[in-house]
PDB file of N, CA and C in Angstrom:
ATOM      1  N   MET A   1      -5.657  23.824  -3.123  1.00  0.00           N
ATOM      2  CA  MET A   1      -5.784  22.655  -2.279  1.00  0.00           C
ATOM      3  C   MET A   1      -5.247  21.410  -3.005  1.00  0.00           C
ATOM      4  N   PHE A   2      -5.570  21.266  -4.278  1.00  0.00           N
ATOM      5  CA  PHE A   2      -5.117  20.106  -5.032  1.00  0.00           C
ATOM      6  C   PHE A   2      -3.598  20.064  -5.116  1.00  0.00           C
ATOM      7  N   SER A   3      -2.975  21.213  -5.370  1.00  0.00           N
ATOM      8  CA  SER A   3      -1.516  21.232  -5.492  1.00  0.00           C
ATOM      9  C   SER A   3      -0.847  20.922  -4.156  1.00  0.00           C
ATOM     10  N   GLN A   4      -1.453  21.343  -3.048  1.00  0.00           N
ATOM     11  CA  GLN A   4      -0.903  21.022  -1.724  1.00  0.00           C
ATOM     12  C   GLN A   4      -0.977  19.522  -1.469  1.00  0.00           C
ATOM     13  N   THR A   5      -2.099  18.917  -1.835  1.00  0.00           N
ATOM     14  CA  THR A   5      -2.264  17.472  -1.657  1.00  0.00           C
ATOM     15  C   THR A   5      -1.266  16.719  -2.531  1.00  0.00           C
ATOM     16  N   LYS A   6      -1.123  17.162  -3.778  1.00  0.00           N
ATOM     17  CA  LYS A   6      -0.193  16.514  -4.696  1.00  0.00           C
ATOM     18  C   LYS A   6       1.248  16.638  -4.201  1.00  0.00           C
ATOM     19  N   THR A   7       1.616  17.810  -3.701  1.00  0.00           N
ATOM     20  CA  THR A   7       2.965  18.010  -3.151  1.00  0.00           C
ATOM     21  C   THR A   7       3.175  17.143  -1.918  1.00  0.00           C
ATOM     22  N   GLY A   8       2.167  17.081  -1.062  1.00  0.00           N
ATOM     23  CA  GLY A   8       2.255  16.247   0.137  1.00  0.00           C
ATOM     24  C   GLY A   8       2.421  14.778  -0.198  1.00  0.00           C
ATOM     25  N   MET A   9       1.696  14.302  -1.218  1.00  0.00           N
ATOM     26  CA  MET A   9       1.833  12.910  -1.629  1.00  0.00           C
ATOM     27  C   MET A   9       3.219  12.645  -2.204  1.00  0.00           C
ATOM     28  N   GLY A  10       3.768  13.612  -2.937  1.00  0.00           N
ATOM     29  CA  GLY A  10       5.119  13.450  -3.477  1.00  0.00           C
ATOM     30  C   GLY A  10       6.146  13.313  -2.373  1.00  0.00           C
ATOM     31  N   GLU A  11       6.020  14.143  -1.350  1.00  0.00           N
ATOM     32  CA  GLU A  11       6.947  14.059  -0.210  1.00  0.00           C
ATOM     33  C   GLU A  11       6.776  12.744   0.537  1.00  0.00           C
ATOM     34  N   LEU A  12       5.531  12.309   0.704  1.00  0.00           N
ATOM     35  CA  LEU A  12       5.258  11.043   1.390  1.00  0.00           C
ATOM     36  C   LEU A  12       5.840   9.867   0.619  1.00  0.00           C
ATOM     37  N   MET A  13       5.708   9.876  -0.699  1.00  0.00           N
ATOM     38  CA  MET A  13       6.258   8.793  -1.516  1.00  0.00           C
ATOM     39  C   MET A  13       7.782   8.781  -1.462  1.00  0.00           C
ATOM     40  N   ASN A  14       8.405   9.958  -1.463  1.00  0.00           N
ATOM     41  CA  ASN A  14       9.866  10.013  -1.329  1.00  0.00           C
ATOM     42  C   ASN A  14      10.315   9.408  -0.012  1.00  0.00           C
ATOM     43  N   THR A  15       9.601   9.714   1.059  1.00  0.00           N
ATOM     44  CA  THR A  15       9.932   9.148   2.374  1.00  0.00           C
ATOM     45  C   THR A  15       9.742   7.633   2.374  1.00  0.00           C
ATOM     46  N   ALA A  16       8.655   7.172   1.768  1.00  0.00           N
ATOM     47  CA  ALA A  16       8.380   5.730   1.731  1.00  0.00           C
ATOM     48  C   ALA A  16       9.445   4.989   0.927  1.00  0.00           C
ATOM     49  N   ILE A  17       9.830   5.538  -0.202  1.00  0.00           N
ATOM     50  CA  ILE A  17      10.851   4.885  -1.037  1.00  0.00           C
ATOM     51  C   ILE A  17      12.189   4.854  -0.309  1.00  0.00           C
ATOM     52  N   PHE A  18      12.541   5.950   0.355  1.00  0.00           N
ATOM     53  CA  PHE A  18      13.803   5.986   1.087  1.00  0.00           C
ATOM     54  C   PHE A  18      13.789   4.972   2.234  1.00  0.00           C
ATOM     55  N   SER A  19      12.656   4.833   2.916  1.00  0.00           N
ATOM     56  CA  SER A  19      12.544   3.847   3.995  1.00  0.00           C
ATOM     57  C   SER A  19      12.696   2.428   3.459  1.00  0.00           C
ATOM     58  N   MET A  20      12.123   2.173   2.295  1.00  0.00           N
ATOM     59  CA  MET A  20      12.250   0.843   1.692  1.00  0.00           C
ATOM     60  C   MET A  20      13.695   0.550   1.309  1.00  0.00           C
ATOM     61  N   VAL A  21      14.397   1.542   0.774  1.00  0.00           N
ATOM     62  CA  VAL A  21      15.807   1.373   0.414  1.00  0.00           C
ATOM     63  C   VAL A  21      16.640   1.101   1.661  1.00  0.00           C
ATOM     64  N   GLU A  22      16.360   1.821   2.751  1.00  0.00           N
ATOM     65  CA  GLU A  22      17.086   1.582   4.008  1.00  0.00           C
ATOM     66  C   GLU A  22      16.866   0.161   4.507  1.00  0.00           C
ATOM     67  N   ALA A  23      15.618  -0.308   4.446  1.00  0.00           N
ATOM     68  CA  ALA A  23      15.310  -1.659   4.916  1.00  0.00           C
ATOM     69  C   ALA A  23      16.003  -2.714   4.055  1.00  0.00           C
ATOM     70  N   LYS A  24      15.995  -2.524   2.739  1.00  0.00           N
ATOM     71  CA  LYS A  24      16.668  -3.483   1.860  1.00  0.00           C
ATOM     72  C   LYS A  24      18.171  -3.465   2.065  1.00  0.00           C
ATOM     73  N   PHE A  25      18.732  -2.293   2.351  1.00  0.00           N
ATOM     74  CA  PHE A  25      20.165  -2.211   2.612  1.00  0.00           C
ATOM     75  C   PHE A  25      20.520  -2.959   3.893  1.00  0.00           C
ATOM     76  N   ALA A  26      19.670  -2.834   4.914  1.00  0.00           N
ATOM     77  CA  ALA A  26      19.949  -3.471   6.198  1.00  0.00           C
ATOM     78  C   ALA A  26      19.702  -4.982   6.160  1.00  0.00           C
ATOM     79  N   MET A  27      18.650  -5.420   5.477  1.00  0.00           N
ATOM     80  CA  MET A  27      18.248  -6.830   5.519  1.00  0.00           C
ATOM     81  C   MET A  27      18.456  -7.588   4.217  1.00  0.00           C
ATOM     82  N   GLY A  28      18.709  -6.907   3.131  1.00  0.00           N
ATOM     83  CA  GLY A  28      18.733  -7.578   1.835  1.00  0.00           C
ATOM     84  C   GLY A  28      17.314  -7.657   1.292  1.00  0.00           C
ATOM     85  N   ASP A  29      17.107  -8.463   0.287  1.00  0.00           N
ATOM     86  CA  ASP A  29      15.774  -8.616  -0.283  1.00  0.00           C
ATOM     87  C   ASP A  29      14.968  -9.565   0.597  1.00  0.00           C
ATOM     88  N   PHE A  30      14.083  -9.027   1.410  1.00  0.00           N
ATOM     89  CA  PHE A  30      13.353  -9.813   2.407  1.00  0.00           C
ATOM     90  C   PHE A  30      11.935 -10.158   1.966  1.00  0.00           C
ATOM     91  N   ASN A  31      11.565  -9.880   0.737  1.00  0.00           N
ATOM     92  CA  ASN A  31      10.209 -10.142   0.262  1.00  0.00           C
ATOM     93  C   ASN A  31       9.858 -11.627   0.349  1.00  0.00           C
ATOM     94  N   GLN A  32      10.716 -12.508  -0.140  1.00  0.00           N
ATOM     95  CA  GLN A  32      10.435 -13.944  -0.119  1.00  0.00           C
ATOM     96  C   GLN A  32      10.363 -14.479   1.307  1.00  0.00           C
ATOM     97  N   MET A  33      11.200 -13.954   2.205  1.00  0.00           N
ATOM     98  CA  MET A  33      11.176 -14.378   3.599  1.00  0.00           C
ATOM     99  C   MET A  33       9.820 -14.052   4.232  1.00  0.00           C
ATOM    100  N   ILE A  34       9.290 -12.885   3.946  1.00  0.00           N
ATOM    101  CA  ILE A  34       7.986 -12.494   4.492  1.00  0.00           C
ATOM    102  C   ILE A  34       6.886 -13.374   3.914  1.00  0.00           C
ATOM    103  N   LEU A  35       6.933 -13.636   2.618  1.00  0.00           N
ATOM    104  CA  LEU A  35       5.905 -14.459   1.998  1.00  0.00           C
ATOM    105  C   LEU A  35       5.910 -15.881   2.544  1.00  0.00           C
ATOM    106  N   HIS A  36       7.077 -16.447   2.831  1.00  0.00           N
ATOM    107  CA  HIS A  36       7.153 -17.811   3.357  1.00  0.00           C
ATOM    108  C   HIS A  36       6.710 -17.889   4.817  1.00  0.00           C
ATOM    109  N   ARG A  37       6.867 -16.830   5.580  1.00  0.00           N
ATOM    110  CA  ARG A  37       6.513 -16.859   7.006  1.00  0.00           C
ATOM    111  C   ARG A  37       5.082 -16.437   7.296  1.00  0.00           C
ATOM    112  N   THR A  38       4.362 -15.994   6.295  1.00  0.00           N
ATOM    113  CA  THR A  38       3.005 -15.508   6.490  1.00  0.00           C
ATOM    114  C   THR A  38       2.011 -16.611   6.186  1.00  0.00           C
ATOM    115  N   ASP A  39       1.117 -16.886   7.135  1.00  0.00           N
ATOM    116  CA  ASP A  39       0.110 -17.918   6.934  1.00  0.00           C
ATOM    117  C   ASP A  39      -1.138 -17.367   6.252  1.00  0.00           C
ATOM    118  N   LYS A  40      -1.688 -16.289   6.801  1.00  0.00           N
ATOM    119  CA  LYS A  40      -2.876 -15.707   6.195  1.00  0.00           C
ATOM    120  C   LYS A  40      -2.872 -14.197   6.417  1.00  0.00           C
ATOM    121  N   ALA A  41      -3.638 -13.516   5.623  1.00  0.00           N
ATOM    122  CA  ALA A  41      -3.686 -12.056   5.686  1.00  0.00           C
ATOM    123  C   ALA A  41      -4.395 -11.587   6.948  1.00  0.00           C
ATOM    124  N   GLN A  42      -3.928 -10.494   7.517  1.00  0.00           N
ATOM    125  CA  GLN A  42      -4.601  -9.902   8.671  1.00  0.00           C
ATOM    126  C   GLN A  42      -5.699  -8.940   8.236  1.00  0.00           C
ATOM    127  N   LEU A  43      -5.637  -8.470   7.004  1.00  0.00           N
ATOM    128  CA  LEU A  43      -6.613  -7.522   6.491  1.00  0.00           C
ATOM    129  C   LEU A  43      -6.925  -7.887   5.045  1.00  0.00           C
ATOM    130  N   LYS A  44      -8.191  -8.012   4.735  1.00  0.00           N
ATOM    131  CA  LYS A  44      -8.598  -8.315   3.366  1.00  0.00           C
ATOM    132  C   LYS A  44      -9.408  -7.138   2.838  1.00  0.00           C
ATOM    133  N   ALA A  45      -9.049  -6.672   1.657  1.00  0.00           N
ATOM    134  CA  ALA A  45      -9.741  -5.549   1.044  1.00  0.00           C
ATOM    135  C   ALA A  45     -10.367  -5.997  -0.263  1.00  0.00           C
ATOM    136  N   THR A  46     -11.566  -5.510  -0.529  1.00  0.00           N
ATOM    137  CA  THR A  46     -12.192  -5.765  -1.813  1.00  0.00           C
ATOM    138  C   THR A  46     -11.954  -4.546  -2.705  1.00  0.00           C
ATOM    139  N   ALA A  47     -11.738  -4.791  -3.965  1.00  0.00           N
ATOM    140  CA  ALA A  47     -11.463  -3.704  -4.904  1.00  0.00           C
ATOM    141  C   ALA A  47     -12.463  -3.758  -6.046  1.00  0.00           C
ATOM    142  N   LYS A  48     -12.801  -2.593  -6.539  1.00  0.00           N
ATOM    143  CA  LYS A  48     -13.641  -2.528  -7.724  1.00  0.00           C
ATOM    144  C   LYS A  48     -13.208  -1.342  -8.569  1.00  0.00           C
ATOM    145  N   LYS A  49     -13.496  -1.436  -9.864  1.00  0.00           N
ATOM    146  CA  LYS A  49     -13.141  -0.362 -10.785  1.00  0.00           C
ATOM    147  C   LYS A  49     -14.305   0.600 -10.892  1.00  0.00           C
ATOM    148  N   ASP A  50     -14.041   1.877 -10.748  1.00  0.00           N
ATOM    149  CA  ASP A  50     -15.039   2.916 -10.918  1.00  0.00           C
ATOM    150  C   ASP A  50     -14.686   3.754 -12.122  1.00  0.00           C
ATOM    151  N   ASN A  51     -15.690   4.173 -12.864  1.00  0.00           N
ATOM    152  CA  ASN A  51     -15.488   5.019 -14.027  1.00  0.00           C
ATOM    153  C   ASN A  51     -16.135   6.367 -13.726  1.00  0.00           C
ATOM    154  N   VAL A  52     -15.321   7.386 -13.591  1.00  0.00           N
ATOM    155  CA  VAL A  52     -15.805   8.727 -13.303  1.00  0.00           C
ATOM    156  C   VAL A  52     -15.351   9.643 -14.426  1.00  0.00           C
ATOM    157  N   ALA A  53     -16.303  10.126 -15.185  1.00  0.00           N
ATOM    158  CA  ALA A  53     -16.037  11.056 -16.283  1.00  0.00           C
ATOM    159  C   ALA A  53     -14.975  10.511 -17.249  1.00  0.00           C
ATOM    160  N   GLY A  54     -15.035   9.217 -17.520  1.00  0.00           N
ATOM    161  CA  GLY A  54     -14.103   8.626 -18.464  1.00  0.00           C
ATOM    162  C   GLY A  54     -12.790   8.159 -17.876  1.00  0.00           C
ATOM    163  N   PHE A  55     -12.565   8.399 -16.602  1.00  0.00           N
ATOM    164  CA  PHE A  55     -11.345   7.949 -15.937  1.00  0.00           C
ATOM    165  C   PHE A  55     -11.666   6.719 -15.097  1.00  0.00           C
ATOM    166  N   VAL A  56     -10.918   5.664 -15.321  1.00  0.00           N
ATOM    167  CA  VAL A  56     -11.111   4.428 -14.569  1.00  0.00           C
ATOM    168  C   VAL A  56     -10.111   4.400 -13.428  1.00  0.00           C
ATOM    169  N   PHE A  57     -10.604   4.201 -12.216  1.00  0.00           N
ATOM    170  CA  PHE A  57      -9.715   4.098 -11.073  1.00  0.00           C
ATOM    171  C   PHE A  57     -10.223   3.023 -10.127  1.00  0.00           C
ATOM    172  N   MET A  58      -9.330   2.518  -9.317  1.00  0.00           N
ATOM    173  CA  MET A  58      -9.678   1.476  -8.359  1.00  0.00           C
ATOM    174  C   MET A  58     -10.204   2.112  -7.083  1.00  0.00           C
ATOM    175  N   SER A  59     -11.227   1.511  -6.516  1.00  0.00           N
ATOM    176  CA  SER A  59     -11.715   1.953  -5.213  1.00  0.00           C
ATOM    177  C   SER A  59     -11.795   0.740  -4.301  1.00  0.00           C
ATOM    178  N   TYR A  60     -11.669   0.983  -3.051  1.00  0.00           N
ATOM    179  CA  TYR A  60     -11.664  -0.075  -2.044  1.00  0.00           C
ATOM    180  C   TYR A  60     -12.785   0.209  -1.054  1.00  0.00           C
ATOM    181  N   PRO A  61     -14.000  -0.269  -1.348  1.00  0.00           N
ATOM    182  CA  PRO A  61     -15.154   0.097  -0.526  1.00  0.00           C
ATOM    183  C   PRO A  61     -15.167  -0.509   0.866  1.00  0.00           C
ATOM    184  N   SER A  62     -14.508  -1.639   1.056  1.00  0.00           N
ATOM    185  CA  SER A  62     -14.545  -2.245   2.387  1.00  0.00           C
ATOM    186  C   SER A  62     -13.268  -3.017   2.652  1.00  0.00           C
ATOM    187  N   ALA A  63     -12.957  -3.134   3.914  1.00  0.00           N
ATOM    188  CA  ALA A  63     -11.834  -3.958   4.347  1.00  0.00           C
ATOM    189  C   ALA A  63     -12.294  -4.731   5.569  1.00  0.00           C
ATOM    190  N   ILE A  64     -11.912  -5.978   5.633  1.00  0.00           N
ATOM    191  CA  ILE A  64     -12.343  -6.844   6.733  1.00  0.00           C
ATOM    192  C   ILE A  64     -11.112  -7.247   7.534  1.00  0.00           C
ATOM    193  N   CYS A  65     -11.184  -7.035   8.821  1.00  0.00           N
ATOM    194  CA  CYS A  65     -10.093  -7.426   9.703  1.00  0.00           C
ATOM    195  C   CYS A  65     -10.203  -8.924   9.964  1.00  0.00           C
ATOM    196  N   CYS A  66      -9.130  -9.649   9.748  1.00  0.00           N
ATOM    197  CA  CYS A  66      -9.191 -11.119   9.799  1.00  0.00           C
ATOM    198  C   CYS A  66      -8.580 -11.734  11.045  1.00  0.00           C
ATOM    199  N   PHE A  67      -8.022 -10.948  11.937  1.00  0.00           N
ATOM    200  CA  PHE A  67      -7.404 -11.555  13.116  1.00  0.00           C
ATOM    201  C   PHE A  67      -8.221 -11.243  14.353  1.00  0.00           C
ATOM    202  N   ALA A  68      -8.207 -12.178  15.286  1.00  0.00           N
ATOM    203  CA  ALA A  68      -8.981 -12.018  16.527  1.00  0.00           C
ATOM    204  C   ALA A  68      -8.210 -11.166  17.513  1.00  0.00           C
ATOM    205  N   LEU A  69      -8.923 -10.290  18.182  1.00  0.00           N
ATOM    206  CA  LEU A  69      -8.275  -9.439  19.191  1.00  0.00           C
ATOM    207  C   LEU A  69      -8.274 -10.111  20.542  1.00  0.00           C
TER     208      LEU A  69
END
């Protein structure tokens, strides 16, 4: 099960990276444009560090939706 999950994540990351490359090729570097046009976050997440058996990893226990429906 672990190896299937790891393989699936590898394929997902390859797809995500390829999509990002396609977007940058089509639009150029659009990071600054997005940052200048954004007023406030639509989703806020809190993060905390957890230590499990000597391994420190980030966990995100809650996320708050910030926009009105």
